[in-house]
Amino acid sequence: MAVKHIQYETSGTCSRLIDVTADENNIIQQVFFLGGCNGNLQGISSLIRGQHIDDVISKIEGIRCGSKDTSCPDQLAKALKQLKNKKAE
């Protein structure tokens, strides 16, 4: 099975990097966050595993954290958009 992979450097959040893998059908296979609220981010990762990239983006894009203009879920949506446009290898 061909996969897509991205290591996305976040901006404006406590997490510093998001590592995401999806299959050639844009189904999320695994997600890892470096930094951030470990328990919450493990929960997000577990909940979105097996989901289609578009479904996840539509649910989490634009979420804000406190007074920040972004959040870890919003940064994940940005990473997923980039991953969606990559070619599977």
C-alpha atoms as a PDB file:
ATOM      1  CA  MET A   1       0.000   0.000   0.000  1.00  0.00           C
ATOM      2  CA  ALA A   2       1.331   3.430  -0.943  1.00  0.00           C
ATOM      3  CA  VAL A   3       1.476   6.057   1.783  1.00  0.00           C
ATOM      4  CA  LYS A   4       1.838   9.816   2.156  1.00  0.00           C
ATOM      5  CA  HIS A   5       3.864  11.336   4.963  1.00  0.00           C
ATOM      6  CA  ILE A   6       4.506  14.833   6.276  1.00  0.00           C
ATOM      7  CA  GLN A   7       6.388  16.399   9.163  1.00  0.00           C
ATOM      8  CA  TYR A   8       4.705  19.751   9.655  1.00  0.00           C
ATOM      9  CA  GLU A   9       6.371  22.462  11.755  1.00  0.00           C
ATOM     10  CA  THR A  10       3.633  24.210  13.687  1.00  0.00           C
ATOM     11  CA  SER A  11       3.323  27.928  14.313  1.00  0.00           C
ATOM     12  CA  GLY A  12       1.699  29.685  17.264  1.00  0.00           C
ATOM     13  CA  THR A  13       1.103  26.580  19.396  1.00  0.00           C
ATOM     14  CA  CYS A  14       2.772  24.688  22.218  1.00  0.00           C
ATOM     15  CA  SER A  15       3.325  21.706  19.939  1.00  0.00           C
ATOM     16  CA  ARG A  16       6.328  22.134  17.657  1.00  0.00           C
ATOM     17  CA  LEU A  17       5.866  19.415  15.049  1.00  0.00           C
ATOM     18  CA  ILE A  18       3.108  17.171  13.722  1.00  0.00           C
ATOM     19  CA  ASP A  19       4.034  13.912  11.993  1.00  0.00           C
ATOM     20  CA  VAL A  20       1.182  12.457   9.901  1.00  0.00           C
ATOM     21  CA  THR A  21       0.880   9.428   7.636  1.00  0.00           C
ATOM     22  CA  ALA A  22      -2.089   8.659   5.360  1.00  0.00           C
ATOM     23  CA  ASP A  23      -2.740   6.024   2.722  1.00  0.00           C
ATOM     24  CA  GLU A  24      -3.263   6.701  -0.999  1.00  0.00           C
ATOM     25  CA  ASN A  25      -7.016   7.131  -0.344  1.00  0.00           C
ATOM     26  CA  ASN A  26      -6.355   9.957   2.176  1.00  0.00           C
ATOM     27  CA  ILE A  27      -7.244   7.814   5.187  1.00  0.00           C
ATOM     28  CA  ILE A  28      -5.173   8.866   8.205  1.00  0.00           C
ATOM     29  CA  GLN A  29      -2.970   6.026   9.448  1.00  0.00           C
ATOM     30  CA  GLN A  30      -1.062   7.681  12.309  1.00  0.00           C
ATOM     31  CA  VAL A  31      -0.459  11.071  13.907  1.00  0.00           C
ATOM     32  CA  PHE A  32       2.241  12.117  16.375  1.00  0.00           C
ATOM     33  CA  PHE A  33       2.683  15.523  18.010  1.00  0.00           C
ATOM     34  CA  LEU A  34       5.972  16.809  19.407  1.00  0.00           C
ATOM     35  CA  GLY A  35       5.272  19.064  22.361  1.00  0.00           C
ATOM     36  CA  GLY A  36       1.894  20.364  23.460  1.00  0.00           C
ATOM     37  CA  CYS A  37      -0.653  18.880  25.860  1.00  0.00           C
ATOM     38  CA  ASN A  38       0.305  15.217  25.644  1.00  0.00           C
ATOM     39  CA  GLY A  39      -2.951  13.647  26.815  1.00  0.00           C
ATOM     40  CA  ASN A  40      -5.200  15.835  24.669  1.00  0.00           C
ATOM     41  CA  LEU A  41      -3.048  15.356  21.587  1.00  0.00           C
ATOM     42  CA  GLN A  42      -2.914  11.592  22.062  1.00  0.00           C
ATOM     43  CA  GLY A  43      -6.707  11.684  22.259  1.00  0.00           C
ATOM     44  CA  ILE A  44      -7.006  13.680  19.040  1.00  0.00           C
ATOM     45  CA  SER A  45      -4.560  11.333  17.315  1.00  0.00           C
ATOM     46  CA  SER A  46      -6.551   8.282  18.393  1.00  0.00           C
ATOM     47  CA  LEU A  47      -9.896   9.776  17.370  1.00  0.00           C
ATOM     48  CA  ILE A  48      -8.822  10.728  13.852  1.00  0.00           C
ATOM     49  CA  ARG A  49      -6.963   7.506  13.013  1.00  0.00           C
ATOM     50  CA  GLY A  50      -8.907   5.754  10.253  1.00  0.00           C
ATOM     51  CA  GLN A  51     -10.743   8.939   9.246  1.00  0.00           C
ATOM     52  CA  HIS A  52     -10.654  10.612   5.821  1.00  0.00           C
ATOM     53  CA  ILE A  53      -8.491  13.743   5.673  1.00  0.00           C
ATOM     54  CA  ASP A  54     -11.382  15.907   4.375  1.00  0.00           C
ATOM     55  CA  ASP A  55     -13.687  14.850   7.223  1.00  0.00           C
ATOM     56  CA  VAL A  56     -11.080  15.758   9.833  1.00  0.00           C
ATOM     57  CA  ILE A  57     -10.219  19.108   8.224  1.00  0.00           C
ATOM     58  CA  SER A  58     -13.890  20.124   8.159  1.00  0.00           C
ATOM     59  CA  LYS A  59     -14.217  19.400  11.896  1.00  0.00           C
ATOM     60  CA  ILE A  60     -11.042  21.007  13.273  1.00  0.00           C
ATOM     61  CA  GLU A  61     -10.041  23.836  10.914  1.00  0.00           C
ATOM     62  CA  GLY A  62     -10.297  27.247  12.546  1.00  0.00           C
ATOM     63  CA  ILE A  63     -10.342  26.058  16.168  1.00  0.00           C
ATOM     64  CA  ARG A  64      -8.598  28.594  18.381  1.00  0.00           C
ATOM     65  CA  CYS A  65      -6.776  28.133  21.686  1.00  0.00           C
ATOM     66  CA  GLY A  66      -7.616  30.919  24.103  1.00  0.00           C
ATOM     67  CA  SER A  67      -6.660  34.278  22.602  1.00  0.00           C
ATOM     68  CA  LYS A  68      -4.381  32.694  19.985  1.00  0.00           C
ATOM     69  CA  ASP A  69      -5.364  32.794  16.313  1.00  0.00           C
ATOM     70  CA  THR A  70      -4.708  29.048  15.998  1.00  0.00           C
ATOM     71  CA  SER A  71      -4.528  25.815  18.008  1.00  0.00           C
ATOM     72  CA  CYS A  72      -3.005  22.365  17.734  1.00  0.00           C
ATOM     73  CA  PRO A  73      -6.131  21.061  15.956  1.00  0.00           C
ATOM     74  CA  ASP A  74      -6.046  24.020  13.540  1.00  0.00           C
ATOM     75  CA  GLN A  75      -2.357  23.386  12.847  1.00  0.00           C
ATOM     76  CA  LEU A  76      -3.207  19.722  12.243  1.00  0.00           C
ATOM     77  CA  ALA A  77      -5.797  20.831   9.656  1.00  0.00           C
ATOM     78  CA  LYS A  78      -3.074  22.846   7.893  1.00  0.00           C
ATOM     79  CA  ALA A  79      -0.769  19.812   7.922  1.00  0.00           C
ATOM     80  CA  LEU A  80      -3.546  17.599   6.548  1.00  0.00           C
ATOM     81  CA  LYS A  81      -4.203  20.035   3.701  1.00  0.00           C
ATOM     82  CA  GLN A  82      -0.551  19.812   2.687  1.00  0.00           C
ATOM     83  CA  LEU A  83      -0.538  16.039   3.079  1.00  0.00           C
ATOM     84  CA  LYS A  84      -3.677  15.675   0.945  1.00  0.00           C
ATOM     85  CA  ASN A  85      -1.893  17.318  -1.983  1.00  0.00           C
ATOM     86  CA  LYS A  86       1.202  15.098  -1.737  1.00  0.00           C
ATOM     87  CA  LYS A  87       1.675  12.147  -4.027  1.00  0.00           C
ATOM     88  CA  ALA A  88       1.600   8.701  -2.398  1.00  0.00           C
ATOM     89  CA  GLU A  89       4.898   6.785  -2.507  1.00  0.00           C
END
